[in-house]
Amino acid sequence: MLANKLEINKKDENLSSKFNIVLIDQNEMLLDLLDHELTKYKGFSVTHTSNGAEFLNSSEVEPDLILMDMIMEGVNGIELIKKIKSEDRFAETKIIILSEKLNEPVVEQLKSLNVHDVIQKPANIGEVLFKVKRSVRDQI
């Protein structure tokens, strides 16, 4: 399995447990899979929600990384990114988009909003883990 080949090396293991990730997606099965992979196999602290507005209204979580879809109830992905970027508490938070609604104009708009990375659905779990791992390394 590709995910097993992407193990975080010993140097990174201590960092991963201190690294907070928020997952935002309406697909509960995907949320459960990513939560499982990122917590059990990688040791990250993970919370998730299916609603971007719910995330914004929560003051409990200060993530290092947000892995989110573009389509969700209450607020669309672009609106949510703009709101996240406008809040000081998320100044250092990186965003990775995981969505099936990605075309060239949308990707260009995401780049202009300083989104850290973009992944097209359906995605290989190994690719997602690799890009999350790369984001962790970029922040240390």
C-alpha atoms as a PDB file:
ATOM      1  CA  MET A   1       0.000   0.000   0.000  1.00  0.00           C
ATOM      2  CA  LEU A   2       1.389   3.395  -1.003  1.00  0.00           C
ATOM      3  CA  ALA A   3       0.410   4.998   2.294  1.00  0.00           C
ATOM      4  CA  ASN A   4       2.773   2.643   4.141  1.00  0.00           C
ATOM      5  CA  LYS A   5       5.675   3.841   1.966  1.00  0.00           C
ATOM      6  CA  LEU A   6       5.084   7.432   3.057  1.00  0.00           C
ATOM      7  CA  GLU A   7       5.926   6.958   6.711  1.00  0.00           C
ATOM      8  CA  ILE A   8       7.092  10.046   8.532  1.00  0.00           C
ATOM      9  CA  ASN A   9      10.673   9.446   9.574  1.00  0.00           C
ATOM     10  CA  LYS A  10      11.686   9.323  13.247  1.00  0.00           C
ATOM     11  CA  LYS A  11      12.704  12.992  13.262  1.00  0.00           C
ATOM     12  CA  ASP A  12       9.175  13.996  12.204  1.00  0.00           C
ATOM     13  CA  GLU A  13       7.226  11.687  14.552  1.00  0.00           C
ATOM     14  CA  ASN A  14       7.377  14.083  17.518  1.00  0.00           C
ATOM     15  CA  LEU A  15       6.319  16.991  15.326  1.00  0.00           C
ATOM     16  CA  SER A  16       3.293  15.213  13.879  1.00  0.00           C
ATOM     17  CA  SER A  17       1.566  14.862  17.262  1.00  0.00           C
ATOM     18  CA  LYS A  18       1.821  18.616  17.737  1.00  0.00           C
ATOM     19  CA  PHE A  19       0.487  19.371  14.269  1.00  0.00           C
ATOM     20  CA  ASN A  20      -3.264  20.132  14.181  1.00  0.00           C
ATOM     21  CA  ILE A  21      -5.261  19.360  11.042  1.00  0.00           C
ATOM     22  CA  VAL A  22      -8.881  20.255  10.345  1.00  0.00           C
ATOM     23  CA  LEU A  23     -10.742  18.299   7.662  1.00  0.00           C
ATOM     24  CA  ILE A  24     -13.783  19.931   6.042  1.00  0.00           C
ATOM     25  CA  ASP A  25     -15.823  17.799   3.653  1.00  0.00           C
ATOM     26  CA  GLN A  26     -19.430  16.647   3.317  1.00  0.00           C
ATOM     27  CA  ASN A  27     -18.362  13.085   2.522  1.00  0.00           C
ATOM     28  CA  GLU A  28     -18.430  11.372   5.925  1.00  0.00           C
ATOM     29  CA  MET A  29     -16.736   8.249   4.577  1.00  0.00           C
ATOM     30  CA  LEU A  30     -13.813  10.312   3.270  1.00  0.00           C
ATOM     31  CA  LEU A  31     -13.596  12.228   6.557  1.00  0.00           C
ATOM     32  CA  ASP A  32     -13.431   8.952   8.488  1.00  0.00           C
ATOM     33  CA  LEU A  33     -10.763   7.516   6.167  1.00  0.00           C
ATOM     34  CA  LEU A  34      -8.578  10.631   6.309  1.00  0.00           C
ATOM     35  CA  ASP A  35      -9.053  10.964  10.062  1.00  0.00           C
ATOM     36  CA  HIS A  36      -8.016   7.330  10.516  1.00  0.00           C
ATOM     37  CA  GLU A  37      -4.963   7.580   8.249  1.00  0.00           C
ATOM     38  CA  LEU A  38      -3.747  10.881   9.673  1.00  0.00           C
ATOM     39  CA  THR A  39      -4.232   9.982  13.343  1.00  0.00           C
ATOM     40  CA  LYS A  40      -3.463   6.264  13.534  1.00  0.00           C
ATOM     41  CA  TYR A  41      -0.705   5.986  10.974  1.00  0.00           C
ATOM     42  CA  LYS A  42       0.774   9.477  11.070  1.00  0.00           C
ATOM     43  CA  GLY A  43       0.055  10.632  14.615  1.00  0.00           C
ATOM     44  CA  PHE A  44      -1.496  13.993  13.756  1.00  0.00           C
ATOM     45  CA  SER A  45      -4.141  15.681  15.870  1.00  0.00           C
ATOM     46  CA  VAL A  46      -7.227  15.741  13.620  1.00  0.00           C
ATOM     47  CA  THR A  47     -10.692  17.242  13.919  1.00  0.00           C
ATOM     48  CA  HIS A  48     -13.280  17.278  11.197  1.00  0.00           C
ATOM     49  CA  THR A  49     -16.564  18.792  10.166  1.00  0.00           C
ATOM     50  CA  SER A  50     -18.837  18.697   7.142  1.00  0.00           C
ATOM     51  CA  ASN A  51     -19.673  22.379   7.439  1.00  0.00           C
ATOM     52  CA  GLY A  52     -17.311  25.306   6.815  1.00  0.00           C
ATOM     53  CA  ALA A  53     -19.481  27.809   8.675  1.00  0.00           C
ATOM     54  CA  GLU A  54     -19.457  25.529  11.725  1.00  0.00           C
ATOM     55  CA  PHE A  55     -15.668  25.490  11.590  1.00  0.00           C
ATOM     56  CA  LEU A  56     -15.456  29.294  11.414  1.00  0.00           C
ATOM     57  CA  ASN A  57     -17.786  29.671  14.391  1.00  0.00           C
ATOM     58  CA  SER A  58     -15.659  27.327  16.508  1.00  0.00           C
ATOM     59  CA  SER A  59     -13.010  29.040  18.564  1.00  0.00           C
ATOM     60  CA  GLU A  60     -11.674  25.762  19.952  1.00  0.00           C
ATOM     61  CA  VAL A  61      -9.484  24.731  17.026  1.00  0.00           C
ATOM     62  CA  GLU A  62      -6.431  26.595  15.775  1.00  0.00           C
ATOM     63  CA  PRO A  63      -5.194  24.366  12.965  1.00  0.00           C
ATOM     64  CA  ASP A  64      -1.793  24.310  11.331  1.00  0.00           C
ATOM     65  CA  LEU A  65      -3.406  22.865   8.203  1.00  0.00           C
ATOM     66  CA  ILE A  66      -6.914  22.804   6.760  1.00  0.00           C
ATOM     67  CA  LEU A  67      -7.706  20.086   4.231  1.00  0.00           C
ATOM     68  CA  MET A  68     -11.013  21.034   2.633  1.00  0.00           C
ATOM     69  CA  ASP A  69     -13.425  20.462  -0.211  1.00  0.00           C
ATOM     70  CA  MET A  70     -14.790  23.339  -2.299  1.00  0.00           C
ATOM     71  CA  ILE A  71     -18.394  22.184  -1.966  1.00  0.00           C
ATOM     72  CA  MET A  72     -20.138  22.304   1.392  1.00  0.00           C
ATOM     73  CA  GLU A  73     -23.293  23.475   3.081  1.00  0.00           C
ATOM     74  CA  GLY A  74     -23.624  27.065   4.167  1.00  0.00           C
ATOM     75  CA  VAL A  75     -20.598  28.571   2.427  1.00  0.00           C
ATOM     76  CA  ASN A  76     -18.709  27.706  -0.754  1.00  0.00           C
ATOM     77  CA  GLY A  77     -14.998  26.949  -0.741  1.00  0.00           C
ATOM     78  CA  ILE A  78     -13.825  30.286  -2.150  1.00  0.00           C
ATOM     79  CA  GLU A  79     -15.904  32.221   0.398  1.00  0.00           C
ATOM     80  CA  LEU A  80     -14.586  30.042   3.215  1.00  0.00           C
ATOM     81  CA  ILE A  81     -10.961  30.517   2.139  1.00  0.00           C
ATOM     82  CA  LYS A  82     -11.431  34.294   2.031  1.00  0.00           C
ATOM     83  CA  LYS A  83     -12.972  34.265   5.519  1.00  0.00           C
ATOM     84  CA  ILE A  84     -10.177  32.063   6.876  1.00  0.00           C
ATOM     85  CA  LYS A  85      -7.506  34.284   5.341  1.00  0.00           C
ATOM     86  CA  SER A  86      -9.152  37.394   6.827  1.00  0.00           C
ATOM     87  CA  GLU A  87      -8.834  36.137  10.417  1.00  0.00           C
ATOM     88  CA  ASP A  88      -5.594  36.746  12.321  1.00  0.00           C
ATOM     89  CA  ARG A  89      -5.864  33.438  14.178  1.00  0.00           C
ATOM     90  CA  PHE A  90      -5.353  31.617  10.861  1.00  0.00           C
ATOM     91  CA  ALA A  91      -2.422  33.733   9.662  1.00  0.00           C
ATOM     92  CA  GLU A  92      -0.028  30.763   9.664  1.00  0.00           C
ATOM     93  CA  THR A  93      -2.583  28.115   8.670  1.00  0.00           C
ATOM     94  CA  LYS A  94      -1.984  26.371   5.365  1.00  0.00           C
ATOM     95  CA  ILE A  95      -4.886  25.225   3.204  1.00  0.00           C
ATOM     96  CA  ILE A  96      -4.974  22.213   0.912  1.00  0.00           C
ATOM     97  CA  ILE A  97      -7.976  21.862  -1.378  1.00  0.00           C
ATOM     98  CA  LEU A  98      -9.284  18.354  -2.062  1.00  0.00           C
ATOM     99  CA  SER A  99     -12.132  18.684  -4.557  1.00  0.00           C
ATOM    100  CA  GLU A 100     -13.618  17.350  -7.762  1.00  0.00           C
ATOM    101  CA  LYS A 101     -14.725  20.820  -8.899  1.00  0.00           C
ATOM    102  CA  LEU A 102     -11.322  21.990 -10.078  1.00  0.00           C
ATOM    103  CA  ASN A 103     -10.850  23.553 -13.475  1.00  0.00           C
ATOM    104  CA  GLU A 104      -8.147  25.959 -14.661  1.00  0.00           C
ATOM    105  CA  PRO A 105      -9.948  29.205 -13.656  1.00  0.00           C
ATOM    106  CA  VAL A 106     -10.739  27.805 -10.192  1.00  0.00           C
ATOM    107  CA  VAL A 107      -7.158  26.621  -9.684  1.00  0.00           C
ATOM    108  CA  GLU A 108      -5.864  30.056 -10.714  1.00  0.00           C
ATOM    109  CA  GLN A 109      -8.263  31.703  -8.262  1.00  0.00           C
ATOM    110  CA  LEU A 110      -7.069  29.354  -5.508  1.00  0.00           C
ATOM    111  CA  LYS A 111      -3.452  30.235  -6.272  1.00  0.00           C
ATOM    112  CA  SER A 112      -4.309  33.934  -6.016  1.00  0.00           C
ATOM    113  CA  LEU A 113      -5.739  33.206  -2.553  1.00  0.00           C
ATOM    114  CA  ASN A 114      -2.424  31.588  -1.534  1.00  0.00           C
ATOM    115  CA  VAL A 115      -3.790  28.078  -1.149  1.00  0.00           C
ATOM    116  CA  HIS A 116      -0.859  25.820  -0.329  1.00  0.00           C
ATOM    117  CA  ASP A 117      -1.835  22.888  -2.561  1.00  0.00           C
ATOM    118  CA  VAL A 118      -4.648  21.459  -4.678  1.00  0.00           C
ATOM    119  CA  ILE A 119      -5.663  17.809  -5.079  1.00  0.00           C
ATOM    120  CA  GLN A 120      -8.202  16.610  -7.644  1.00  0.00           C
ATOM    121  CA  LYS A 121     -10.824  14.081  -6.470  1.00  0.00           C
ATOM    122  CA  PRO A 122     -10.970  11.186  -6.708  1.00  0.00           C
ATOM    123  CA  ALA A 123      -7.579  11.183  -5.048  1.00  0.00           C
ATOM    124  CA  ASN A 124      -5.205   8.454  -4.076  1.00  0.00           C
ATOM    125  CA  ILE A 125      -4.825   8.377  -0.278  1.00  0.00           C
ATOM    126  CA  GLY A 126      -1.067   8.198  -0.776  1.00  0.00           C
ATOM    127  CA  GLU A 127      -1.088  11.486  -2.685  1.00  0.00           C
ATOM    128  CA  VAL A 128      -3.115  13.163   0.062  1.00  0.00           C
ATOM    129  CA  LEU A 129      -0.778  11.887   2.782  1.00  0.00           C
ATOM    130  CA  PHE A 130       2.268  12.955   0.773  1.00  0.00           C
ATOM    131  CA  LYS A 131       0.964  16.509   0.348  1.00  0.00           C
ATOM    132  CA  VAL A 132      -0.002  16.762   4.025  1.00  0.00           C
ATOM    133  CA  LYS A 133       3.442  15.500   5.009  1.00  0.00           C
ATOM    134  CA  ARG A 134       5.056  18.051   2.687  1.00  0.00           C
ATOM    135  CA  SER A 135       2.974  20.827   4.281  1.00  0.00           C
ATOM    136  CA  VAL A 136       4.154  19.752   7.732  1.00  0.00           C
ATOM    137  CA  ARG A 137       7.773  19.905   6.626  1.00  0.00           C
ATOM    138  CA  ASP A 138       7.210  23.304   5.019  1.00  0.00           C
ATOM    139  CA  GLN A 139       6.061  24.694   8.382  1.00  0.00           C
ATOM    140  CA  ILE A 140       8.993  23.486  10.477  1.00  0.00           C
END
